[in-house]
Structures are given as C-alpha cells and as structure tokens.
mmCIF file of all heavy atoms, coordinates in Angstrom:
data_MODEL
# 
_entry.id   MODEL 
# 
loop_
_atom_site.group_PDB 
_atom_site.id 
_atom_site.type_symbol 
_atom_site.label_atom_id 
_atom_site.label_alt_id 
_atom_site.label_comp_id 
_atom_site.label_asym_id 
_atom_site.label_entity_id 
_atom_site.label_seq_id 
_atom_site.pdbx_PDB_ins_code 
_atom_site.Cartn_x 
_atom_site.Cartn_y 
_atom_site.Cartn_z 
_atom_site.occupancy 
_atom_site.B_iso_or_equiv 
_atom_site.pdbx_formal_charge 
_atom_site.auth_seq_id 
_atom_site.auth_comp_id 
_atom_site.auth_asym_id 
_atom_site.auth_atom_id 
_atom_site.pdbx_PDB_model_num 
ATOM 1   N N   . GLU A 1 1  ? -4.407  10.770 -1.491  1.00 0.00 ? 1  GLU A N   1 
ATOM 2   C CA  . GLU A 1 1  ? -4.923  10.823 -2.861  1.00 0.00 ? 1  GLU A CA  1 
ATOM 3   C C   . GLU A 1 1  ? -5.815  9.628  -3.180  1.00 0.00 ? 1  GLU A C   1 
ATOM 4   O O   . GLU A 1 1  ? -6.720  9.721  -4.015  1.00 0.00 ? 1  GLU A O   1 
ATOM 5   C CB  . GLU A 1 1  ? -3.758  10.865 -3.853  1.00 0.00 ? 1  GLU A CB  1 
ATOM 6   C CG  . GLU A 1 1  ? -2.991  12.187 -3.867  1.00 0.00 ? 1  GLU A CG  1 
ATOM 7   C CD  . GLU A 1 1  ? -1.794  12.145 -4.796  1.00 0.00 ? 1  GLU A CD  1 
ATOM 8   O OE1 . GLU A 1 1  ? -1.525  11.061 -5.373  1.00 0.00 ? 1  GLU A OE1 1 
ATOM 9   O OE2 . GLU A 1 1  ? -1.118  13.181 -4.940  1.00 0.00 ? 1  GLU A OE2 1 
ATOM 10  N N   . ASN A 1 2  ? -5.562  8.501  -2.504  1.00 0.00 ? 2  ASN A N   1 
ATOM 11  C CA  . ASN A 1 2  ? -6.319  7.275  -2.781  1.00 0.00 ? 2  ASN A CA  1 
ATOM 12  C C   . ASN A 1 2  ? -7.185  6.857  -1.592  1.00 0.00 ? 2  ASN A C   1 
ATOM 13  O O   . ASN A 1 2  ? -7.547  5.691  -1.470  1.00 0.00 ? 2  ASN A O   1 
ATOM 14  C CB  . ASN A 1 2  ? -5.355  6.135  -3.131  1.00 0.00 ? 2  ASN A CB  1 
ATOM 15  C CG  . ASN A 1 2  ? -4.605  6.375  -4.430  1.00 0.00 ? 2  ASN A CG  1 
ATOM 16  O OD1 . ASN A 1 2  ? -5.123  6.160  -5.510  1.00 0.00 ? 2  ASN A OD1 1 
ATOM 17  N ND2 . ASN A 1 2  ? -3.357  6.839  -4.309  1.00 0.00 ? 2  ASN A ND2 1 
ATOM 18  N N   . ARG A 1 3  ? -7.530  7.824  -0.744  1.00 0.00 ? 3  ARG A N   1 
ATOM 19  C CA  . ARG A 1 3  ? -8.314  7.515  0.457   1.00 0.00 ? 3  ARG A CA  1 
ATOM 20  C C   . ARG A 1 3  ? -9.672  6.912  0.115   1.00 0.00 ? 3  ARG A C   1 
ATOM 21  O O   . ARG A 1 3  ? -10.184 6.066  0.844   1.00 0.00 ? 3  ARG A O   1 
ATOM 22  C CB  . ARG A 1 3  ? -8.494  8.798  1.276   1.00 0.00 ? 3  ARG A CB  1 
ATOM 23  C CG  . ARG A 1 3  ? -9.239  8.629  2.587   1.00 0.00 ? 3  ARG A CG  1 
ATOM 24  C CD  . ARG A 1 3  ? -8.467  7.835  3.600   1.00 0.00 ? 3  ARG A CD  1 
ATOM 25  N NE  . ARG A 1 3  ? -7.275  8.512  4.079   1.00 0.00 ? 3  ARG A NE  1 
ATOM 26  C CZ  . ARG A 1 3  ? -6.497  8.020  5.048   1.00 0.00 ? 3  ARG A CZ  1 
ATOM 27  N NH1 . ARG A 1 3  ? -6.793  6.848  5.613   1.00 0.00 ? 3  ARG A NH1 1 
ATOM 28  N NH2 . ARG A 1 3  ? -5.404  8.669  5.423   1.00 0.00 ? 3  ARG A NH2 1 
ATOM 29  N N   . SER A 1 4  ? -10.267 7.285  -1.007  1.00 0.00 ? 4  SER A N   1 
ATOM 30  C CA  . SER A 1 4  ? -11.594 6.779  -1.373  1.00 0.00 ? 4  SER A CA  1 
ATOM 31  C C   . SER A 1 4  ? -11.575 5.297  -1.730  1.00 0.00 ? 4  SER A C   1 
ATOM 32  O O   . SER A 1 4  ? -12.604 4.626  -1.663  1.00 0.00 ? 4  SER A O   1 
ATOM 33  C CB  . SER A 1 4  ? -12.167 7.579  -2.547  1.00 0.00 ? 4  SER A CB  1 
ATOM 34  O OG  . SER A 1 4  ? -11.327 7.474  -3.683  1.00 0.00 ? 4  SER A OG  1 
ATOM 35  N N   . CYS A 1 5  ? -10.436 4.790  -2.141  1.00 0.00 ? 5  CYS A N   1 
ATOM 36  C CA  . CYS A 1 5  ? -10.302 3.356  -2.450  1.00 0.00 ? 5  CYS A CA  1 
ATOM 37  C C   . CYS A 1 5  ? -9.040  2.837  -1.768  1.00 0.00 ? 5  CYS A C   1 
ATOM 38  O O   . CYS A 1 5  ? -8.187  2.209  -2.402  1.00 0.00 ? 5  CYS A O   1 
ATOM 39  C CB  . CYS A 1 5  ? -10.269 3.103  -3.949  1.00 0.00 ? 5  CYS A CB  1 
ATOM 40  S SG  . CYS A 1 5  ? -9.165  4.185  -4.871  1.00 0.00 ? 5  CYS A SG  1 
ATOM 41  N N   . LEU A 1 6  ? -8.948  3.143  -0.472  1.00 0.00 ? 6  LEU A N   1 
ATOM 42  C CA  . LEU A 1 6  ? -7.730  2.882  0.287   1.00 0.00 ? 6  LEU A CA  1 
ATOM 43  C C   . LEU A 1 6  ? -7.364  1.407  0.319   1.00 0.00 ? 6  LEU A C   1 
ATOM 44  O O   . LEU A 1 6  ? -6.192  1.046  0.190   1.00 0.00 ? 6  LEU A O   1 
ATOM 45  C CB  . LEU A 1 6  ? -7.895  3.415  1.717   1.00 0.00 ? 6  LEU A CB  1 
ATOM 46  C CG  . LEU A 1 6  ? -6.697  3.208  2.658   1.00 0.00 ? 6  LEU A CG  1 
ATOM 47  C CD1 . LEU A 1 6  ? -5.462  3.895  2.108   1.00 0.00 ? 6  LEU A CD1 1 
ATOM 48  C CD2 . LEU A 1 6  ? -7.035  3.734  4.050   1.00 0.00 ? 6  LEU A CD2 1 
ATOM 49  N N   . PHE A 1 7  ? -8.357  0.539  0.480   1.00 0.00 ? 7  PHE A N   1 
ATOM 50  C CA  . PHE A 1 7  ? -8.059  -0.887 0.608   1.00 0.00 ? 7  PHE A CA  1 
ATOM 51  C C   . PHE A 1 7  ? -7.363  -1.415 -0.646  1.00 0.00 ? 7  PHE A C   1 
ATOM 52  O O   . PHE A 1 7  ? -6.389  -2.173 -0.557  1.00 0.00 ? 7  PHE A O   1 
ATOM 53  C CB  . PHE A 1 7  ? -9.343  -1.680 0.873   1.00 0.00 ? 7  PHE A CB  1 
ATOM 54  C CG  . PHE A 1 7  ? -9.107  -3.150 1.064   1.00 0.00 ? 7  PHE A CG  1 
ATOM 55  C CD1 . PHE A 1 7  ? -8.520  -3.628 2.224   1.00 0.00 ? 7  PHE A CD1 1 
ATOM 56  C CD2 . PHE A 1 7  ? -9.462  -4.063 0.085   1.00 0.00 ? 7  PHE A CD2 1 
ATOM 57  C CE1 . PHE A 1 7  ? -8.292  -4.988 2.400   1.00 0.00 ? 7  PHE A CE1 1 
ATOM 58  C CE2 . PHE A 1 7  ? -9.247  -5.414 0.250   1.00 0.00 ? 7  PHE A CE2 1 
ATOM 59  C CZ  . PHE A 1 7  ? -8.670  -5.879 1.417   1.00 0.00 ? 7  PHE A CZ  1 
ATOM 60  N N   . PHE A 1 8  ? -7.846  -1.006 -1.814  1.00 0.00 ? 8  PHE A N   1 
ATOM 61  C CA  . PHE A 1 8  ? -7.231  -1.481 -3.060  1.00 0.00 ? 8  PHE A CA  1 
ATOM 62  C C   . PHE A 1 8  ? -5.850  -0.856 -3.258  1.00 0.00 ? 8  PHE A C   1 
ATOM 63  O O   . PHE A 1 8  ? -4.958  -1.483 -3.844  1.00 0.00 ? 8  PHE A O   1 
ATOM 64  C CB  . PHE A 1 8  ? -8.142  -1.174 -4.243  1.00 0.00 ? 8  PHE A CB  1 
ATOM 65  C CG  . PHE A 1 8  ? -9.380  -1.999 -4.255  1.00 0.00 ? 8  PHE A CG  1 
ATOM 66  C CD1 . PHE A 1 8  ? -10.575 -1.490 -3.762  1.00 0.00 ? 8  PHE A CD1 1 
ATOM 67  C CD2 . PHE A 1 8  ? -9.366  -3.299 -4.729  1.00 0.00 ? 8  PHE A CD2 1 
ATOM 68  C CE1 . PHE A 1 8  ? -11.723 -2.252 -3.750  1.00 0.00 ? 8  PHE A CE1 1 
ATOM 69  C CE2 . PHE A 1 8  ? -10.513 -4.078 -4.725  1.00 0.00 ? 8  PHE A CE2 1 
ATOM 70  C CZ  . PHE A 1 8  ? -11.694 -3.558 -4.238  1.00 0.00 ? 8  PHE A CZ  1 
ATOM 71  N N   . PHE A 1 9  ? -5.649  0.355  -2.754  1.00 0.00 ? 9  PHE A N   1 
ATOM 72  C CA  . PHE A 1 9  ? -4.319  0.960  -2.805  1.00 0.00 ? 9  PHE A CA  1 
ATOM 73  C C   . PHE A 1 9  ? -3.343  0.178  -1.925  1.00 0.00 ? 9  PHE A C   1 
ATOM 74  O O   . PHE A 1 9  ? -2.193  -0.060 -2.313  1.00 0.00 ? 9  PHE A O   1 
ATOM 75  C CB  . PHE A 1 9  ? -4.394  2.417  -2.352  1.00 0.00 ? 9  PHE A CB  1 
ATOM 76  C CG  . PHE A 1 9  ? -3.058  3.101  -2.327  1.00 0.00 ? 9  PHE A CG  1 
ATOM 77  C CD1 . PHE A 1 9  ? -2.367  3.337  -3.503  1.00 0.00 ? 9  PHE A CD1 1 
ATOM 78  C CD2 . PHE A 1 9  ? -2.502  3.516  -1.120  1.00 0.00 ? 9  PHE A CD2 1 
ATOM 79  C CE1 . PHE A 1 9  ? -1.127  3.975  -3.484  1.00 0.00 ? 9  PHE A CE1 1 
ATOM 80  C CE2 . PHE A 1 9  ? -1.267  4.152  -1.099  1.00 0.00 ? 9  PHE A CE2 1 
ATOM 81  C CZ  . PHE A 1 9  ? -0.580  4.379  -2.282  1.00 0.00 ? 9  PHE A CZ  1 
ATOM 82  N N   . LEU A 1 10 ? -3.802  -0.247 -0.748  1.00 0.00 ? 10 LEU A N   1 
ATOM 83  C CA  . LEU A 1 10 ? -2.956  -1.050 0.135   1.00 0.00 ? 10 LEU A CA  1 
ATOM 84  C C   . LEU A 1 10 ? -2.628  -2.400 -0.498  1.00 0.00 ? 10 LEU A C   1 
ATOM 85  O O   . LEU A 1 10 ? -1.494  -2.895 -0.384  1.00 0.00 ? 10 LEU A O   1 
ATOM 86  C CB  . LEU A 1 10 ? -3.647  -1.250 1.485   1.00 0.00 ? 10 LEU A CB  1 
ATOM 87  C CG  . LEU A 1 10 ? -3.865  0.005  2.330   1.00 0.00 ? 10 LEU A CG  1 
ATOM 88  C CD1 . LEU A 1 10 ? -4.659  -0.332 3.587   1.00 0.00 ? 10 LEU A CD1 1 
ATOM 89  C CD2 . LEU A 1 10 ? -2.527  0.652  2.687   1.00 0.00 ? 10 LEU A CD2 1 
ATOM 90  N N   . LEU A 1 11 ? -3.614  -2.996 -1.177  1.00 0.00 ? 11 LEU A N   1 
ATOM 91  C CA  . LEU A 1 11 ? -3.343  -4.249 -1.890  1.00 0.00 ? 11 LEU A CA  1 
ATOM 92  C C   . LEU A 1 11 ? -2.286  -4.034 -2.964  1.00 0.00 ? 11 LEU A C   1 
ATOM 93  O O   . LEU A 1 11 ? -1.391  -4.872 -3.155  1.00 0.00 ? 11 LEU A O   1 
ATOM 94  C CB  . LEU A 1 11 ? -4.631  -4.792 -2.525  1.00 0.00 ? 11 LEU A CB  1 
ATOM 95  C CG  . LEU A 1 11 ? -5.651  -5.450 -1.613  1.00 0.00 ? 11 LEU A CG  1 
ATOM 96  C CD1 . LEU A 1 11 ? -6.832  -5.968 -2.436  1.00 0.00 ? 11 LEU A CD1 1 
ATOM 97  C CD2 . LEU A 1 11 ? -5.036  -6.603 -0.835  1.00 0.00 ? 11 LEU A CD2 1 
ATOM 98  N N   . PHE A 1 12 ? -2.392  -2.923 -3.671  1.00 0.00 ? 12 PHE A N   1 
ATOM 99  C CA  . PHE A 1 12 ? -1.422  -2.617 -4.722  1.00 0.00 ? 12 PHE A CA  1 
ATOM 100 C C   . PHE A 1 12 ? -0.013  -2.496 -4.128  1.00 0.00 ? 12 PHE A C   1 
ATOM 101 O O   . PHE A 1 12 ? 0.959   -3.006 -4.697  1.00 0.00 ? 12 PHE A O   1 
ATOM 102 C CB  . PHE A 1 12 ? -1.809  -1.311 -5.415  1.00 0.00 ? 12 PHE A CB  1 
ATOM 103 C CG  . PHE A 1 12 ? -0.860  -0.911 -6.507  1.00 0.00 ? 12 PHE A CG  1 
ATOM 104 C CD1 . PHE A 1 12 ? -1.024  -1.378 -7.801  1.00 0.00 ? 12 PHE A CD1 1 
ATOM 105 C CD2 . PHE A 1 12 ? 0.216   -0.067 -6.242  1.00 0.00 ? 12 PHE A CD2 1 
ATOM 106 C CE1 . PHE A 1 12 ? -0.139  -1.028 -8.804  1.00 0.00 ? 12 PHE A CE1 1 
ATOM 107 C CE2 . PHE A 1 12 ? 1.101   0.298  -7.241  1.00 0.00 ? 12 PHE A CE2 1 
ATOM 108 C CZ  . PHE A 1 12 ? 0.923   -0.187 -8.524  1.00 0.00 ? 12 PHE A CZ  1 
ATOM 109 N N   . LEU A 1 13 ? 0.104   -1.841 -2.985  1.00 0.00 ? 13 LEU A N   1 
ATOM 110 C CA  . LEU A 1 13 ? 1.413   -1.675 -2.353  1.00 0.00 ? 13 LEU A CA  1 
ATOM 111 C C   . LEU A 1 13 ? 2.009   -3.006 -1.926  1.00 0.00 ? 13 LEU A C   1 
ATOM 112 O O   . LEU A 1 13 ? 3.232   -3.163 -1.907  1.00 0.00 ? 13 LEU A O   1 
ATOM 113 C CB  . LEU A 1 13 ? 1.295   -0.750 -1.138  1.00 0.00 ? 13 LEU A CB  1 
ATOM 114 C CG  . LEU A 1 13 ? 1.019   0.723  -1.419  1.00 0.00 ? 13 LEU A CG  1 
ATOM 115 C CD1 . LEU A 1 13 ? 0.959   1.504  -0.112  1.00 0.00 ? 13 LEU A CD1 1 
ATOM 116 C CD2 . LEU A 1 13 ? 2.078   1.314  -2.338  1.00 0.00 ? 13 LEU A CD2 1 
ATOM 117 N N   . ARG A 1 14 ? 1.161   -3.966 -1.571  1.00 0.00 ? 14 ARG A N   1 
ATOM 118 C CA  . ARG A 1 14 ? 1.670   -5.279 -1.167  1.00 0.00 ? 14 ARG A CA  1 
ATOM 119 C C   . ARG A 1 14 ? 2.076   -6.120 -2.386  1.00 0.00 ? 14 ARG A C   1 
ATOM 120 O O   . ARG A 1 14 ? 3.078   -6.832 -2.354  1.00 0.00 ? 14 ARG A O   1 
ATOM 121 C CB  . ARG A 1 14 ? 0.609   -6.025 -0.352  1.00 0.00 ? 14 ARG A CB  1 
ATOM 122 C CG  . ARG A 1 14 ? 0.234   -5.353 0.958   1.00 0.00 ? 14 ARG A CG  1 
ATOM 123 C CD  . ARG A 1 14 ? 1.393   -5.281 1.932   1.00 0.00 ? 14 ARG A CD  1 
ATOM 124 N NE  . ARG A 1 14 ? 1.013   -4.633 3.184   1.00 0.00 ? 14 ARG A NE  1 
ATOM 125 C CZ  . ARG A 1 14 ? 1.822   -4.492 4.231   1.00 0.00 ? 14 ARG A CZ  1 
ATOM 126 N NH1 . ARG A 1 14 ? 3.060   -4.953 4.171   1.00 0.00 ? 14 ARG A NH1 1 
ATOM 127 N NH2 . ARG A 1 14 ? 1.407   -3.877 5.322   1.00 0.00 ? 14 ARG A NH2 1 
ATOM 128 N N   . LEU A 1 15 ? 1.288   -6.031 -3.440  1.00 0.00 ? 15 LEU A N   1 
ATOM 129 C CA  . LEU A 1 15 ? 1.566   -6.840 -4.622  1.00 0.00 ? 15 LEU A CA  1 
ATOM 130 C C   . LEU A 1 15 ? 2.669   -6.237 -5.485  1.00 0.00 ? 15 LEU A C   1 
ATOM 131 O O   . LEU A 1 15 ? 3.454   -6.959 -6.105  1.00 0.00 ? 15 LEU A O   1 
ATOM 132 C CB  . LEU A 1 15 ? 0.290   -7.009 -5.446  1.00 0.00 ? 15 LEU A CB  1 
ATOM 133 C CG  . LEU A 1 15 ? -0.774  -7.906 -4.820  1.00 0.00 ? 15 LEU A CG  1 
ATOM 134 C CD1 . LEU A 1 15 ? -2.115  -7.721 -5.521  1.00 0.00 ? 15 LEU A CD1 1 
ATOM 135 C CD2 . LEU A 1 15 ? -0.355  -9.367 -4.884  1.00 0.00 ? 15 LEU A CD2 1 
ATOM 136 N N   . PHE A 1 16 ? 2.709   -4.895 -5.551  1.00 0.00 ? 16 PHE A N   1 
ATOM 137 C CA  . PHE A 1 16 ? 3.721   -4.186 -6.341  1.00 0.00 ? 16 PHE A CA  1 
ATOM 138 C C   . PHE A 1 16 ? 4.370   -3.145 -5.430  1.00 0.00 ? 16 PHE A C   1 
ATOM 139 O O   . PHE A 1 16 ? 4.067   -1.956 -5.528  1.00 0.00 ? 16 PHE A O   1 
ATOM 140 C CB  . PHE A 1 16 ? 3.090   -3.514 -7.563  1.00 0.00 ? 16 PHE A CB  1 
ATOM 141 C CG  . PHE A 1 16 ? 2.336   -4.460 -8.445  1.00 0.00 ? 16 PHE A CG  1 
ATOM 142 C CD1 . PHE A 1 16 ? 0.958   -4.579 -8.336  1.00 0.00 ? 16 PHE A CD1 1 
ATOM 143 C CD2 . PHE A 1 16 ? 2.993   -5.239 -9.377  1.00 0.00 ? 16 PHE A CD2 1 
ATOM 144 C CE1 . PHE A 1 16 ? 0.249   -5.453 -9.143  1.00 0.00 ? 16 PHE A CE1 1 
ATOM 145 C CE2 . PHE A 1 16 ? 2.297   -6.114 -10.191 1.00 0.00 ? 16 PHE A CE2 1 
ATOM 146 C CZ  . PHE A 1 16 ? 0.923   -6.224 -10.075 1.00 0.00 ? 16 PHE A CZ  1 
ATOM 147 N N   . PRO A 1 17 ? 5.247   -3.584 -4.543  1.00 0.00 ? 17 PRO A N   1 
ATOM 148 C CA  . PRO A 1 17 ? 5.736   -2.701 -3.480  1.00 0.00 ? 17 PRO A CA  1 
ATOM 149 C C   . PRO A 1 17 ? 6.524   -1.499 -3.984  1.00 0.00 ? 17 PRO A C   1 
ATOM 150 O O   . PRO A 1 17 ? 7.598   -1.627 -4.560  1.00 0.00 ? 17 PRO A O   1 
ATOM 151 C CB  . PRO A 1 17 ? 6.632   -3.625 -2.635  1.00 0.00 ? 17 PRO A CB  1 
ATOM 152 C CG  . PRO A 1 17 ? 6.997   -4.744 -3.547  1.00 0.00 ? 17 PRO A CG  1 
ATOM 153 C CD  . PRO A 1 17 ? 5.831   -4.932 -4.460  1.00 0.00 ? 17 PRO A CD  1 
ATOM 154 N N   . MET A 1 18 ? 5.956   -0.299 -3.780  1.00 0.00 ? 18 MET A N   1 
ATOM 155 C CA  . MET A 1 18 ? 6.677   0.944  -3.999  1.00 0.00 ? 18 MET A CA  1 
ATOM 156 C C   . MET A 1 18 ? 7.581   1.227  -2.804  1.00 0.00 ? 18 MET A C   1 
ATOM 157 O O   . MET A 1 18 ? 8.506   2.031  -2.891  1.00 0.00 ? 18 MET A O   1 
ATOM 158 C CB  . MET A 1 18 ? 5.678   2.100  -4.176  1.00 0.00 ? 18 MET A CB  1 
ATOM 159 C CG  . MET A 1 18 ? 4.774   1.969  -5.388  1.00 0.00 ? 18 MET A CG  1 
ATOM 160 S SD  . MET A 1 18 ? 3.391   3.140  -5.320  1.00 0.00 ? 18 MET A SD  1 
ATOM 161 C CE  . MET A 1 18 ? 4.253   4.708  -5.226  1.00 0.00 ? 18 MET A CE  1 
ATOM 162 N N   . THR A 1 19 ? 7.283   0.568  -1.686  1.00 0.00 ? 19 THR A N   1 
ATOM 163 C CA  . THR A 1 19 ? 8.058   0.727  -0.463  1.00 0.00 ? 19 THR A CA  1 
ATOM 164 C C   . THR A 1 19 ? 8.176   -0.642 0.197   1.00 0.00 ? 19 THR A C   1 
ATOM 165 O O   . THR A 1 19 ? 7.300   -1.491 0.027   1.00 0.00 ? 19 THR A O   1 
ATOM 166 C CB  . THR A 1 19 ? 7.351   1.711  0.488   1.00 0.00 ? 19 THR A CB  1 
ATOM 167 O OG1 . THR A 1 19 ? 8.142   1.884  1.660   1.00 0.00 ? 19 THR A OG1 1 
ATOM 168 C CG2 . THR A 1 19 ? 5.976   1.211  0.890   1.00 0.00 ? 19 THR A CG2 1 
ATOM 169 N N   . PRO A 1 20 ? 9.249   -0.916 0.932   1.00 0.00 ? 20 PRO A N   1 
ATOM 170 C CA  . PRO A 1 20 ? 9.391   -2.218 1.597   1.00 0.00 ? 20 PRO A CA  1 
ATOM 171 C C   . PRO A 1 20 ? 8.235   -2.492 2.552   1.00 0.00 ? 20 PRO A C   1 
ATOM 172 O O   . PRO A 1 20 ? 7.685   -1.575 3.165   1.00 0.00 ? 20 PRO A O   1 
ATOM 173 C CB  . PRO A 1 20 ? 10.724  -2.080 2.351   1.00 0.00 ? 20 PRO A CB  1 
ATOM 174 C CG  . PRO A 1 20 ? 11.472  -1.008 1.639   1.00 0.00 ? 20 PRO A CG  1 
ATOM 175 C CD  . PRO A 1 20 ? 10.432  -0.046 1.137   1.00 0.00 ? 20 PRO A CD  1 
ATOM 176 N N   . ASN A 1 21 ? 7.888   -3.756 2.685   1.00 0.00 ? 21 ASN A N   1 
ATOM 177 C CA  . ASN A 1 21 ? 6.776   -4.118 3.568   1.00 0.00 ? 21 ASN A CA  1 
ATOM 178 C C   . ASN A 1 21 ? 7.023   -3.698 5.009   1.00 0.00 ? 21 ASN A C   1 
ATOM 179 O O   . ASN A 1 21 ? 6.095   -3.273 5.711   1.00 0.00 ? 21 ASN A O   1 
ATOM 180 C CB  . ASN A 1 21 ? 6.529   -5.631 3.490   1.00 0.00 ? 21 ASN A CB  1 
ATOM 181 C CG  . ASN A 1 21 ? 5.756   -6.030 2.255   1.00 0.00 ? 21 ASN A CG  1 
ATOM 182 O OD1 . ASN A 1 21 ? 4.724   -5.444 1.941   1.00 0.00 ? 21 ASN A OD1 1 
ATOM 183 N ND2 . ASN A 1 21 ? 6.250   -7.015 1.536   1.00 0.00 ? 21 ASN A ND2 1 
ATOM 184 N N   . TRP A 1 22 ? 8.268   -3.816 5.466   1.00 0.00 ? 22 TRP A N   1 
ATOM 185 C CA  . TRP A 1 22 ? 8.555   -3.456 6.859   1.00 0.00 ? 22 TRP A CA  1 
ATOM 186 C C   . TRP A 1 22 ? 8.290   -1.967 7.101   1.00 0.00 ? 22 TRP A C   1 
ATOM 187 O O   . TRP A 1 22 ? 7.787   -1.595 8.168   1.00 0.00 ? 22 TRP A O   1 
ATOM 188 C CB  . TRP A 1 22 ? 9.993   -3.818 7.238   1.00 0.00 ? 22 TRP A CB  1 
ATOM 189 C CG  . TRP A 1 22 ? 11.055  -3.077 6.490   1.00 0.00 ? 22 TRP A CG  1 
ATOM 190 C CD1 . TRP A 1 22 ? 11.696  -3.483 5.356   1.00 0.00 ? 22 TRP A CD1 1 
ATOM 191 C CD2 . TRP A 1 22 ? 11.596  -1.784 6.803   1.00 0.00 ? 22 TRP A CD2 1 
ATOM 192 N NE1 . TRP A 1 22 ? 12.609  -2.528 4.945   1.00 0.00 ? 22 TRP A NE1 1 
ATOM 193 C CE2 . TRP A 1 22 ? 12.572  -1.482 5.812   1.00 0.00 ? 22 TRP A CE2 1 
ATOM 194 C CE3 . TRP A 1 22 ? 11.356  -0.849 7.815   1.00 0.00 ? 22 TRP A CE3 1 
ATOM 195 C CZ2 . TRP A 1 22 ? 13.297  -0.289 5.816   1.00 0.00 ? 22 TRP A CZ2 1 
ATOM 196 C CZ3 . TRP A 1 22 ? 12.076  0.341  7.817   1.00 0.00 ? 22 TRP A CZ3 1 
ATOM 197 C CH2 . TRP A 1 22 ? 13.044  0.610  6.836   1.00 0.00 ? 22 TRP A CH2 1 
ATOM 198 N N   . PHE A 1 23 ? 8.600   -1.126 6.108   1.00 0.00 ? 23 PHE A N   1 
ATOM 199 C CA  . PHE A 1 23 ? 8.371   0.306  6.290   1.00 0.00 ? 23 PHE A CA  1 
ATOM 200 C C   . PHE A 1 23 ? 6.880   0.627  6.245   1.00 0.00 ? 23 PHE A C   1 
ATOM 201 O O   . PHE A 1 23 ? 6.399   1.496  6.996   1.00 0.00 ? 23 PHE A O   1 
ATOM 202 C CB  . PHE A 1 23 ? 9.111   1.100  5.213   1.00 0.00 ? 23 PHE A CB  1 
ATOM 203 C CG  . PHE A 1 23 ? 8.953   2.583  5.374   1.00 0.00 ? 23 PHE A CG  1 
ATOM 204 C CD1 . PHE A 1 23 ? 9.629   3.250  6.386   1.00 0.00 ? 23 PHE A CD1 1 
ATOM 205 C CD2 . PHE A 1 23 ? 8.111   3.311  4.541   1.00 0.00 ? 23 PHE A CD2 1 
ATOM 206 C CE1 . PHE A 1 23 ? 9.472   4.628  6.557   1.00 0.00 ? 23 PHE A CE1 1 
ATOM 207 C CE2 . PHE A 1 23 ? 7.956   4.669  4.708   1.00 0.00 ? 23 PHE A CE2 1 
ATOM 208 C CZ  . PHE A 1 23 ? 8.639   5.333  5.717   1.00 0.00 ? 23 PHE A CZ  1 
ATOM 209 N N   . LEU A 1 24 ? 6.150   -0.066 5.398   1.00 0.00 ? 24 LEU A N   1 
ATOM 210 C CA  . LEU A 1 24 ? 4.704   0.141  5.344   1.00 0.00 ? 24 LEU A CA  1 
ATOM 211 C C   . LEU A 1 24 ? 4.061   -0.260 6.664   1.00 0.00 ? 24 LEU A C   1 
ATOM 212 O O   . LEU A 1 24 ? 3.147   0.413  7.154   1.00 0.00 ? 24 LEU A O   1 
ATOM 213 C CB  . LEU A 1 24 ? 4.106   -0.655 4.184   1.00 0.00 ? 24 LEU A CB  1 
ATOM 214 C CG  . LEU A 1 24 ? 2.617   -0.441 3.897   1.00 0.00 ? 24 LEU A CG  1 
ATOM 215 C CD1 . LEU A 1 24 ? 2.320   1.032  3.644   1.00 0.00 ? 24 LEU A CD1 1 
ATOM 216 C CD2 . LEU A 1 24 ? 2.183   -1.281 2.706   1.00 0.00 ? 24 LEU A CD2 1 
ATOM 217 N N   . ASN A 1 25 ? 4.539   -1.351 7.273   1.00 0.00 ? 25 ASN A N   1 
ATOM 218 C CA  . ASN A 1 25 ? 4.020   -1.780 8.571   1.00 0.00 ? 25 ASN A CA  1 
ATOM 219 C C   . ASN A 1 25 ? 4.280   -0.722 9.646   1.00 0.00 ? 25 ASN A C   1 
ATOM 220 O O   . ASN A 1 25 ? 3.421   -0.434 10.478  1.00 0.00 ? 25 ASN A O   1 
ATOM 221 C CB  . ASN A 1 25 ? 4.669   -3.094 8.993   1.00 0.00 ? 25 ASN A CB  1 
ATOM 222 C CG  . ASN A 1 25 ? 4.302   -4.246 8.072   1.00 0.00 ? 25 ASN A CG  1 
ATOM 223 O OD1 . ASN A 1 25 ? 3.363   -4.154 7.289   1.00 0.00 ? 25 ASN A OD1 1 
ATOM 224 N ND2 . ASN A 1 25 ? 5.057   -5.325 8.149   1.00 0.00 ? 25 ASN A ND2 1 
ATOM 225 N N   . LEU A 1 26 ? 5.490   -0.160 9.625   1.00 0.00 ? 26 LEU A N   1 
ATOM 226 C CA  . LEU A 1 26 ? 5.857   0.833  10.648  1.00 0.00 ? 26 LEU A CA  1 
ATOM 227 C C   . LEU A 1 26 ? 5.147   2.166  10.454  1.00 0.00 ? 26 LEU A C   1 
ATOM 228 O O   . LEU A 1 26 ? 4.807   2.845  11.430  1.00 0.00 ? 26 LEU A O   1 
ATOM 229 C CB  . LEU A 1 26 ? 7.378   1.054  10.619  1.00 0.00 ? 26 LEU A CB  1 
ATOM 230 C CG  . LEU A 1 26 ? 8.263   -0.094 11.105  1.00 0.00 ? 26 LEU A CG  1 
ATOM 231 C CD1 . LEU A 1 26 ? 9.732   0.230  10.861  1.00 0.00 ? 26 LEU A CD1 1 
ATOM 232 C CD2 . LEU A 1 26 ? 8.016   -0.390 12.576  1.00 0.00 ? 26 LEU A CD2 1 
# 
C-alpha cells in the first residue's frame, strides 16, 4: 500500500514501531 513512498514508510516503522525491529529485519 505504501510502495510509492516505501522509504518513508520504513522510517515510520523504525520511529513508531508497529512491529518489533527484529521481526522487521527478518
């Protein structure tokens, strides 16, 4: 859904984690 602005979505996940960082890495 956020592929067009993927980098900013990834930043959002790191700053406001909807999922643990370890799971996002995996």
